[in-house]
Amino acid sequence: MKTPSCALLAEVRAFRQTHPDVRYVDLIALDIPGHFYGKRYPVEMLEKVAAGSPLKLPQNAVLLGVQGGLFKIGDYCFNDGDPDANRRLVPGTLKPVSWESQPLGQMLITSDGTDAPIEFEPREVLARVLQRLQHKGIHPVVAFELEFYLFDKKLANGLPQFPRDPLSDDADDQPNLHIERLSRFSVVLDDMAQTARDQGIDSTVITAEIGPGQFEINFGHSADALRAADWAALFCRSTRGVALKHGYRASFMAKPYLQFPGSGMHVHVSLYDGAGNNLLAAHQQQPLRHAVAGCLQLLPHCMPIFAPHHNALRRLGGTVNAATRASWGFEDRDACVRIPESDPRNLRIEHRLASADANPYLVLAAILAGLEHGLETRQEPIAPLNDDRSSGTDFPVEMLDAVRAMQHHTVVRDTLGAEFVDVYCENKRQDHLAFQQEINAREYRWFL
């Protein structure tokens, strides 16, 4: 029996009072590939959980592959009896769901903070990295930016189609980057942004991106790095739901069209000490250079996290603002690690390599591990792209090579956890092999 939380109980009771028509609440968490799993709870049972009743889900649900299958990984899944594991409610995440046909609520759950957290759960991996940084007096401030595509609701021969402009009869009228596109799709975009805010997400700027039907929505900077990753995860769920409500599909797939740019997950990170001083700006920004060097050193070995799905690597090496090598630069969108122009108080790195469909908890954990490694080793980075346009180091462009690089890298194992790395890499390896078998059996055009 868990210790009752007065704050959680008050949150659930306030929700029931404000939304008396809601009978069920989805309790959800992210698995390794970044898909939500969970259970739909009657709201009166949720109140009992908040009061201290146990909340258990199968431990191995976290290990689901990209296409939903379970793989043999060590003693998990097929050799451990699929045991239940305790979860807890994440305070502040109980919100109404507006995109379903019936009144619903949703709330995040996690194993981190329980008596026996699941070592390979993505939120637990990030929580351990943040705890280690906190013990060192390092406090990250984080902001995510997520690109996504709108598609027509119906596919054509299994392929996504440009969304029809609601103000035009021309289905191909797609003025890329033009702000008029925000007006043409304002009904669905405004609903996405407002729904995100209703979920507690600090959504801010909306941008029309280069691809047809491609947009980006930014989030505010958060001193609670776990909450920042929660926002990114919840935004993906709500955005897909709102798109369907308006007769579209929304996808965070890394590269849905071969001829157009892919979608990225850009993460802004600054580091502060306990007194609120920006650590990266000290000593003429020397710690910034060390942090960049650490990020670039670990970047090739974390490719299975940054580009985790079957077409994610296709996004890299494009002609527009997509990295071809592990590089960095000031105000340079061709770099994996970009340093935006800012005053010393707000000095930060922008990590631009991850695809939009990557797991936000794992992406942020890998970025922070790189920054931490750089601050500790104090190495100088390679030349920035501002000085040398050819600067950069190669990262693995084949999934199995990337998995091997990650699994055998000592620093990655130490900073993210050896147990997690072994489980994650085996999941990615087997998922990749299973997908290759499907490609050999039939034309799998959607992912190509």
Protein backbone atom coordinates (compact mmCIF):
# COMPACT_ATOMS: atom_id res chain seq x y z
CA MET A 1 0.00 0.00 0.00
CA LYS A 2 1.39 3.37 -1.03
CA THR A 3 1.42 6.39 1.22
CA PRO A 4 -1.62 8.54 0.37
CA SER A 5 -0.88 11.84 -1.32
CA CYS A 6 -3.07 14.70 -0.16
CA ALA A 7 -2.13 16.76 -3.23
CA LEU A 8 -2.98 13.92 -5.65
CA LEU A 9 -6.26 13.24 -3.92
CA ALA A 10 -7.15 16.92 -4.07
CA GLU A 11 -6.25 16.99 -7.77
CA VAL A 12 -8.53 14.05 -8.58
CA ARG A 13 -11.42 15.40 -6.51
CA ALA A 14 -11.11 18.84 -8.09
CA PHE A 15 -11.11 17.22 -11.54
CA ARG A 16 -14.27 15.25 -10.74
CA GLN A 17 -15.98 18.38 -9.49
CA THR A 18 -15.00 20.42 -12.55
CA HIS A 19 -15.77 17.63 -15.05
CA PRO A 20 -18.70 15.66 -13.62
CA ASP A 21 -19.51 14.12 -17.02
CA VAL A 22 -16.12 12.31 -17.22
CA ARG A 23 -16.55 8.68 -16.18
CA TYR A 24 -13.21 7.26 -17.34
CA VAL A 25 -9.59 8.41 -17.28
CA ASP A 26 -6.83 6.94 -19.47
CA LEU A 27 -3.71 6.23 -17.39
CA ILE A 28 -0.87 6.28 -19.91
CA ALA A 29 2.91 5.93 -20.23
CA LEU A 30 5.41 5.74 -23.09
CA ASP A 31 7.03 2.48 -24.15
CA ILE A 32 10.54 2.31 -25.61
CA PRO A 33 9.53 3.20 -29.21
CA GLY A 34 7.51 6.17 -27.93
CA HIS A 35 3.96 4.77 -28.15
CA PHE A 36 1.46 5.19 -25.34
CA TYR A 37 0.15 2.17 -23.45
CA GLY A 38 -1.97 2.00 -20.31
CA LYS A 39 -5.44 1.35 -18.94
CA ARG A 40 -8.79 3.14 -18.89
CA TYR A 41 -9.82 3.59 -15.26
CA PRO A 42 -13.25 4.51 -13.87
CA VAL A 43 -12.77 7.89 -12.27
CA GLU A 44 -13.90 6.64 -8.85
CA MET A 45 -11.15 3.98 -8.95
CA LEU A 46 -8.65 6.71 -9.84
CA GLU A 47 -9.57 8.48 -6.64
CA LYS A 48 -8.77 5.29 -4.72
CA VAL A 49 -5.36 5.10 -6.42
CA ALA A 50 -4.69 8.71 -5.46
CA ALA A 51 -5.63 7.78 -1.89
CA GLY A 52 -3.01 5.02 -1.81
CA SER A 53 -4.42 1.91 -3.51
CA PRO A 54 -1.82 0.08 -5.64
CA LEU A 55 -1.55 0.78 -9.37
CA LYS A 56 0.08 -2.05 -11.30
CA LEU A 57 0.63 -2.74 -14.99
CA PRO A 58 2.66 -5.45 -16.74
CA GLN A 59 6.34 -4.58 -16.47
CA ASN A 60 7.13 -5.80 -19.97
CA ALA A 61 4.67 -3.48 -21.73
CA VAL A 62 7.57 -1.02 -21.87
CA LEU A 63 9.42 -3.44 -24.19
CA LEU A 64 6.93 -3.39 -27.07
CA GLY A 65 8.53 -2.99 -30.49
CA VAL A 66 7.71 -0.34 -33.08
CA GLN A 67 5.00 -2.51 -34.64
CA GLY A 68 3.66 -3.75 -31.31
CA GLY A 69 5.44 -7.08 -30.98
CA LEU A 70 7.39 -8.44 -28.03
CA PHE A 71 10.89 -9.81 -28.49
CA LYS A 72 12.95 -12.23 -26.43
CA ILE A 73 15.28 -9.97 -24.45
CA GLY A 74 17.28 -11.65 -21.72
CA ASP A 75 14.95 -13.04 -19.07
CA TYR A 76 12.22 -10.53 -19.87
CA CYS A 77 8.92 -11.07 -21.68
CA PHE A 78 8.97 -14.83 -22.28
CA ASN A 79 11.02 -16.05 -19.31
CA ASP A 80 9.86 -13.99 -16.34
CA GLY A 81 6.11 -14.66 -16.36
CA ASP A 82 5.34 -11.06 -17.39
CA PRO A 83 5.13 -9.73 -13.82
CA ASP A 84 3.23 -6.65 -12.79
CA ALA A 85 5.17 -3.59 -11.68
CA ASN A 86 4.03 -0.67 -9.58
CA ARG A 87 3.29 2.66 -11.22
CA ARG A 88 2.44 6.01 -9.69
CA LEU A 89 0.33 8.91 -10.89
CA VAL A 90 2.27 11.93 -12.18
CA PRO A 91 0.93 15.00 -10.33
CA GLY A 92 -0.40 17.84 -12.43
CA THR A 93 -1.13 15.72 -15.53
CA LEU A 94 -4.81 14.88 -14.95
CA LYS A 95 -6.57 16.75 -17.75
CA PRO A 96 -9.76 16.45 -19.83
CA VAL A 97 -9.54 14.95 -23.32
CA SER A 98 -11.41 17.02 -25.91
CA TRP A 99 -10.76 15.08 -29.11
CA GLU A 100 -12.65 11.87 -28.30
CA SER A 101 -16.33 11.26 -29.01
CA GLN A 102 -17.08 10.79 -25.29
CA PRO A 103 -15.96 12.82 -22.27
CA LEU A 104 -12.66 11.40 -21.06
CA GLY A 105 -9.67 12.36 -18.97
CA GLN A 106 -6.05 11.29 -19.16
CA MET A 107 -3.15 11.20 -16.73
CA LEU A 108 0.48 10.17 -16.98
CA ILE A 109 1.77 7.26 -14.93
CA THR A 110 5.36 6.15 -14.35
CA SER A 111 7.46 3.69 -12.39
CA ASP A 112 10.05 6.31 -11.42
CA GLY A 113 9.64 7.29 -7.80
CA THR A 114 8.20 3.88 -6.83
CA ASP A 115 9.92 1.41 -4.53
CA ALA A 116 11.13 -0.69 -7.50
CA PRO A 117 11.35 1.46 -10.66
CA ILE A 118 11.74 -0.25 -14.03
CA GLU A 119 15.32 0.43 -15.12
CA PHE A 120 14.49 0.45 -18.82
CA GLU A 121 11.38 2.64 -18.61
CA PRO A 122 12.17 5.84 -20.60
CA ARG A 123 10.94 8.26 -17.92
CA GLU A 124 12.96 6.41 -15.29
CA VAL A 125 16.11 6.64 -17.46
CA LEU A 126 15.70 10.43 -17.67
CA ALA A 127 14.87 10.69 -13.97
CA ARG A 128 18.13 8.94 -13.03
CA VAL A 129 20.19 11.25 -15.25
CA LEU A 130 18.51 14.30 -13.73
CA GLN A 131 19.05 13.01 -10.21
CA ARG A 132 22.75 12.54 -10.90
CA LEU A 133 23.04 16.06 -12.32
CA GLN A 134 21.21 17.51 -9.35
CA HIS A 135 23.69 15.89 -6.98
CA LYS A 136 26.43 17.67 -8.95
CA GLY A 137 24.66 21.01 -8.61
CA ILE A 138 23.56 21.11 -12.27
CA HIS A 139 19.98 22.15 -13.05
CA PRO A 140 18.83 21.99 -16.70
CA VAL A 141 16.23 24.27 -18.27
CA VAL A 142 14.67 22.64 -21.33
CA ALA A 143 12.41 23.53 -24.25
CA PHE A 144 11.23 21.21 -27.04
CA GLU A 145 10.26 22.11 -30.60
CA LEU A 146 8.33 19.50 -32.62
CA GLU A 147 7.72 19.40 -36.36
CA PHE A 148 4.87 17.37 -37.83
CA TYR A 149 2.93 16.81 -41.05
CA LEU A 150 -0.78 17.07 -41.71
CA PHE A 151 -2.17 14.53 -44.20
CA ASP A 152 -5.55 14.00 -45.75
CA LYS A 153 -7.50 11.50 -43.69
CA LYS A 154 -7.61 9.00 -46.55
CA LEU A 155 -4.45 7.44 -47.92
CA ALA A 156 -3.90 6.84 -51.64
CA ASN A 157 -2.48 3.38 -52.37
CA GLY A 158 -1.26 3.25 -48.79
CA LEU A 159 0.63 6.54 -49.08
CA PRO A 160 0.00 9.87 -47.29
CA GLN A 161 -1.44 12.73 -49.31
CA PHE A 162 -1.10 16.51 -48.92
CA PRO A 163 -3.94 18.02 -46.91
CA ARG A 164 -6.48 19.87 -48.99
CA ASP A 165 -6.40 23.61 -48.48
CA PRO A 166 -9.81 24.40 -46.94
CA LEU A 167 -9.85 27.83 -48.68
CA SER A 168 -8.87 26.58 -52.13
CA ASP A 169 -10.02 24.01 -54.66
CA ASP A 170 -6.41 23.33 -55.62
CA ALA A 171 -5.11 20.38 -53.59
CA ASP A 172 -1.52 21.22 -54.60
CA ASP A 173 -1.68 24.86 -53.51
CA GLN A 174 0.92 24.64 -50.74
CA PRO A 175 2.89 27.89 -50.29
CA ASN A 176 5.82 26.59 -48.26
CA LEU A 177 6.91 28.70 -45.29
CA HIS A 178 4.34 31.35 -46.19
CA ILE A 179 2.49 32.62 -43.17
CA GLU A 180 -0.77 32.50 -45.17
CA ARG A 181 -0.70 28.72 -44.70
CA LEU A 182 -1.19 29.30 -40.97
CA SER A 183 -4.42 31.14 -41.80
CA ARG A 184 -5.57 28.48 -44.26
CA PHE A 185 -5.23 25.76 -41.62
CA SER A 186 -5.92 28.00 -38.63
CA VAL A 187 -8.96 26.06 -37.43
CA VAL A 188 -7.06 22.83 -36.84
CA LEU A 189 -3.78 24.51 -35.79
CA ASP A 190 -5.46 26.79 -33.27
CA ASP A 191 -7.32 23.81 -31.84
CA MET A 192 -4.04 21.89 -31.54
CA ALA A 193 -2.38 24.76 -29.68
CA GLN A 194 -5.35 25.37 -27.38
CA THR A 195 -5.76 21.65 -26.67
CA ALA A 196 -2.08 21.49 -25.75
CA ARG A 197 -2.54 24.38 -23.33
CA ASP A 198 -5.59 22.63 -21.87
CA GLN A 199 -3.30 19.65 -21.23
CA GLY A 200 -1.00 21.91 -19.22
CA ILE A 201 1.54 22.25 -22.04
CA ASP A 202 3.11 25.65 -22.49
CA SER A 203 2.70 25.78 -26.28
CA THR A 204 3.90 29.01 -27.86
CA VAL A 205 4.96 29.74 -31.46
CA ILE A 206 3.37 28.08 -34.52
CA THR A 207 5.39 27.97 -37.75
CA ALA A 208 4.60 26.84 -41.29
CA GLU A 209 7.54 24.65 -42.29
CA ILE A 210 9.04 23.84 -45.69
CA GLY A 211 7.14 20.64 -46.54
CA PRO A 212 3.53 20.73 -47.79
CA GLY A 213 1.27 20.46 -44.78
CA GLN A 214 4.29 20.62 -42.44
CA PHE A 215 4.18 22.74 -39.28
CA GLU A 216 6.08 23.26 -36.04
CA ILE A 217 4.81 24.16 -32.58
CA ASN A 218 7.24 25.27 -29.87
CA PHE A 219 7.00 24.94 -26.10
CA GLY A 220 8.15 27.29 -23.37
CA HIS A 221 11.34 26.72 -21.38
CA SER A 222 10.84 24.64 -18.25
CA ALA A 223 13.08 24.30 -15.21
CA ASP A 224 11.41 20.91 -14.64
CA ALA A 225 13.11 18.78 -17.30
CA LEU A 226 10.84 15.78 -16.66
CA ARG A 227 7.82 18.00 -17.20
CA ALA A 228 9.31 19.34 -20.44
CA ALA A 229 9.60 15.77 -21.76
CA ASP A 230 6.06 15.05 -20.53
CA TRP A 231 4.86 17.99 -22.60
CA ALA A 232 6.51 16.63 -25.75
CA ALA A 233 4.99 13.18 -25.22
CA LEU A 234 1.49 14.47 -24.47
CA PHE A 235 1.62 16.91 -27.38
CA CYS A 236 2.10 14.06 -29.85
CA ARG A 237 -0.97 12.29 -28.48
CA SER A 238 -3.24 15.34 -28.44
CA THR A 239 -2.11 16.58 -31.87
CA ARG A 240 -2.98 13.28 -33.54
CA GLY A 241 -6.36 13.29 -31.85
CA VAL A 242 -7.21 16.87 -32.80
CA ALA A 243 -6.18 16.24 -36.42
CA LEU A 244 -8.60 13.28 -36.70
CA LYS A 245 -11.37 15.39 -35.18
CA HIS A 246 -10.91 17.88 -38.04
CA GLY A 247 -10.71 15.28 -40.79
CA TYR A 248 -6.91 15.10 -41.10
CA ARG A 249 -4.12 12.81 -40.00
CA ALA A 250 -1.13 14.19 -38.12
CA SER A 251 2.20 12.37 -38.21
CA PHE A 252 5.52 12.91 -36.47
CA MET A 253 7.18 10.37 -38.78
CA ALA A 254 10.76 11.35 -39.49
CA LYS A 255 10.52 11.21 -43.30
CA PRO A 256 7.01 10.60 -44.70
CA TYR A 257 7.82 12.00 -48.17
CA LEU A 258 11.03 11.25 -50.04
CA GLN A 259 10.93 14.55 -51.93
CA PHE A 260 10.29 16.81 -48.94
CA PRO A 261 12.13 17.54 -45.66
CA GLY A 262 11.62 15.33 -42.64
CA SER A 263 10.39 16.34 -39.21
CA GLY A 264 12.75 16.94 -36.31
CA MET A 265 12.64 17.18 -32.53
CA HIS A 266 14.76 20.20 -31.58
CA VAL A 267 15.71 20.43 -27.91
CA HIS A 268 17.04 23.62 -26.27
CA VAL A 269 19.04 23.02 -23.08
CA SER A 270 20.74 25.46 -20.73
CA LEU A 271 22.44 24.51 -17.45
CA TYR A 272 22.35 26.48 -14.19
CA ASP A 273 23.90 26.14 -10.74
CA GLY A 274 21.94 26.36 -7.51
CA ALA A 275 22.25 30.15 -7.44
CA GLY A 276 20.74 30.53 -10.92
CA ASN A 277 24.00 31.24 -12.75
CA ASN A 278 24.29 29.92 -16.31
CA LEU A 279 27.09 27.33 -16.14
CA LEU A 280 27.70 27.41 -19.89
CA ALA A 281 28.43 31.15 -19.88
CA ALA A 282 31.17 31.08 -17.23
CA HIS A 283 34.86 31.76 -18.01
CA GLN A 284 34.27 33.28 -21.44
CA GLN A 285 31.94 30.38 -22.39
CA GLN A 286 34.62 27.74 -21.99
CA PRO A 287 32.15 25.29 -20.36
CA LEU A 288 29.95 25.72 -23.43
CA ARG A 289 32.76 24.44 -25.64
CA HIS A 290 33.35 21.50 -23.30
CA ALA A 291 29.66 20.65 -23.29
CA VAL A 292 29.52 20.77 -27.08
CA ALA A 293 32.53 18.46 -27.31
CA GLY A 294 30.83 15.96 -25.00
CA CYS A 295 27.62 16.03 -27.02
CA LEU A 296 29.48 15.44 -30.28
CA GLN A 297 31.55 12.63 -28.79
CA LEU A 298 28.49 10.69 -27.61
CA LEU A 299 26.25 11.60 -30.56
CA PRO A 300 27.32 8.79 -32.97
CA HIS A 301 26.87 6.21 -30.22
CA CYS A 302 23.35 7.41 -29.36
CA MET A 303 21.97 7.25 -32.91
CA PRO A 304 19.48 4.47 -32.01
CA ILE A 305 17.89 7.00 -29.65
CA PHE A 306 18.03 10.02 -31.96
CA ALA A 307 16.98 8.12 -35.11
CA PRO A 308 15.12 5.12 -33.69
CA HIS A 309 12.69 4.12 -36.43
CA HIS A 310 12.99 2.57 -39.84
CA ASN A 311 13.01 5.69 -41.98
CA ALA A 312 14.56 8.10 -39.46
CA LEU A 313 18.03 8.03 -41.00
CA ARG A 314 16.51 9.03 -44.36
CA ARG A 315 15.81 12.46 -42.86
CA LEU A 316 19.49 13.11 -42.24
CA GLY A 317 21.73 14.36 -45.01
CA GLY A 318 19.00 16.36 -46.74
CA THR A 319 19.52 19.59 -48.60
CA VAL A 320 17.78 21.86 -46.08
CA ASN A 321 18.85 22.24 -42.43
CA ALA A 322 19.53 18.53 -41.89
CA ALA A 323 22.85 17.33 -40.60
CA THR A 324 25.12 15.06 -42.62
CA ARG A 325 27.80 14.78 -39.91
CA ALA A 326 28.12 15.33 -36.16
CA SER A 327 28.88 19.06 -36.14
CA TRP A 328 28.23 22.30 -34.29
CA GLY A 329 28.05 26.00 -35.00
CA PHE A 330 26.81 29.40 -33.90
CA GLU A 331 23.44 30.29 -35.45
CA ASP A 332 23.87 27.44 -37.96
CA ARG A 333 20.89 25.20 -38.72
CA ASP A 334 23.02 22.74 -40.67
CA ALA A 335 24.70 21.73 -37.40
CA CYS A 336 23.59 18.91 -35.11
CA VAL A 337 24.38 21.16 -32.13
CA ARG A 338 23.44 24.76 -32.79
CA ILE A 339 24.26 27.67 -30.46
CA PRO A 340 21.45 30.23 -30.82
CA GLU A 341 22.35 33.87 -30.35
CA SER A 342 21.45 34.94 -26.81
CA ASP A 343 22.63 36.91 -23.81
CA PRO A 344 24.84 35.13 -21.23
CA ARG A 345 21.88 34.51 -18.92
CA ASN A 346 20.08 32.46 -21.62
CA LEU A 347 23.07 30.84 -23.32
CA ARG A 348 22.08 27.34 -24.45
CA ILE A 349 22.59 24.58 -26.96
CA GLU A 350 19.96 23.50 -29.48
CA HIS A 351 20.23 19.79 -30.28
CA ARG A 352 18.74 19.31 -33.76
CA LEU A 353 19.52 15.71 -34.68
CA ALA A 354 16.59 13.71 -33.23
CA SER A 355 13.63 12.86 -35.41
CA ALA A 356 10.19 14.03 -34.32
CA ASP A 357 9.07 10.45 -33.63
CA ALA A 358 11.92 9.73 -31.20
CA ASN A 359 11.18 9.13 -27.52
CA PRO A 360 11.48 12.57 -25.83
CA TYR A 361 12.56 11.12 -22.46
CA LEU A 362 15.41 9.15 -24.03
CA VAL A 363 16.44 11.99 -26.36
CA LEU A 364 16.75 14.42 -23.46
CA ALA A 365 18.55 11.83 -21.31
CA ALA A 366 21.12 11.25 -24.09
CA ILE A 367 21.64 14.99 -24.63
CA LEU A 368 22.16 15.63 -20.93
CA ALA A 369 24.56 12.68 -20.71
CA GLY A 370 26.61 14.25 -23.50
CA LEU A 371 26.65 17.65 -21.81
CA GLU A 372 27.64 16.08 -18.50
CA HIS A 373 30.43 14.09 -20.15
CA GLY A 374 31.80 17.20 -21.81
CA LEU A 375 31.82 19.26 -18.61
CA GLU A 376 33.71 16.49 -16.82
CA THR A 377 36.31 15.66 -19.50
CA ARG A 378 36.85 19.34 -20.53
CA GLN A 379 37.87 18.53 -24.07
CA GLU A 380 37.90 21.07 -26.87
CA PRO A 381 35.36 20.52 -29.67
CA ILE A 382 36.14 20.25 -33.36
CA ALA A 383 35.97 23.44 -35.42
CA PRO A 384 32.49 24.96 -35.72
CA LEU A 385 30.84 25.09 -39.14
CA ASN A 386 31.23 28.86 -39.02
CA ASP A 387 35.00 28.34 -39.40
CA ASP A 388 35.03 25.16 -41.49
CA ARG A 389 31.98 24.04 -43.52
CA SER A 390 33.46 20.54 -43.82
CA SER A 391 33.91 20.12 -40.06
CA GLY A 392 32.21 17.16 -38.42
CA THR A 393 32.52 13.46 -37.66
CA ASP A 394 30.55 10.64 -39.24
CA PHE A 395 27.69 9.02 -37.36
CA PRO A 396 26.38 5.51 -38.11
CA VAL A 397 23.97 5.46 -41.04
CA GLU A 398 22.93 1.81 -40.64
CA MET A 399 20.76 0.74 -37.72
CA LEU A 400 22.64 -2.40 -36.69
CA ASP A 401 25.98 -0.55 -36.78
CA ALA A 402 24.45 2.17 -34.62
CA VAL A 403 23.12 -0.39 -32.15
CA ARG A 404 26.54 -2.02 -31.84
CA ALA A 405 28.17 1.38 -31.31
CA MET A 406 25.73 2.24 -28.54
CA GLN A 407 25.83 -1.11 -26.80
CA HIS A 408 29.62 -1.19 -26.48
CA HIS A 409 30.31 2.43 -25.55
CA THR A 410 31.43 2.64 -21.92
CA VAL A 411 30.35 6.25 -21.30
CA VAL A 412 26.89 5.66 -22.75
CA ARG A 413 26.47 2.57 -20.59
CA ASP A 414 27.63 4.42 -17.48
CA THR A 415 25.52 7.54 -18.00
CA LEU A 416 22.29 5.96 -19.25
CA GLY A 417 22.54 2.67 -17.36
CA ALA A 418 23.98 -0.63 -18.56
CA GLU A 419 20.70 -2.51 -18.03
CA PHE A 420 18.76 0.03 -20.07
CA VAL A 421 21.33 0.07 -22.89
CA ASP A 422 21.31 -3.73 -23.19
CA VAL A 423 17.51 -3.93 -23.23
CA TYR A 424 17.09 -0.97 -25.58
CA CYS A 425 19.70 -2.14 -28.08
CA GLU A 426 18.31 -5.67 -28.20
CA ASN A 427 14.83 -4.25 -28.75
CA LYS A 428 16.09 -2.10 -31.62
CA ARG A 429 18.13 -4.92 -33.13
CA GLN A 430 15.26 -7.38 -33.21
CA ASP A 431 12.75 -4.78 -34.35
CA HIS A 432 15.05 -3.88 -37.26
CA LEU A 433 15.45 -7.51 -38.28
CA ALA A 434 11.69 -8.09 -38.10
CA PHE A 435 11.08 -5.07 -40.31
CA GLN A 436 13.61 -6.27 -42.86
CA GLN A 437 11.76 -9.58 -43.06
CA GLU A 438 8.54 -7.72 -43.77
CA ILE A 439 10.22 -5.72 -46.51
CA ASN A 440 11.47 -8.95 -48.10
CA ALA A 441 7.97 -10.43 -47.95
CA ARG A 442 6.06 -7.47 -49.42
CA GLU A 443 6.51 -3.87 -50.51
CA TYR A 444 6.32 -1.78 -47.35
CA ARG A 445 5.99 1.59 -49.02
CA TRP A 446 4.68 3.61 -46.08
CA PHE A 447 7.95 3.35 -44.18
CA LEU A 448 10.16 3.89 -47.20
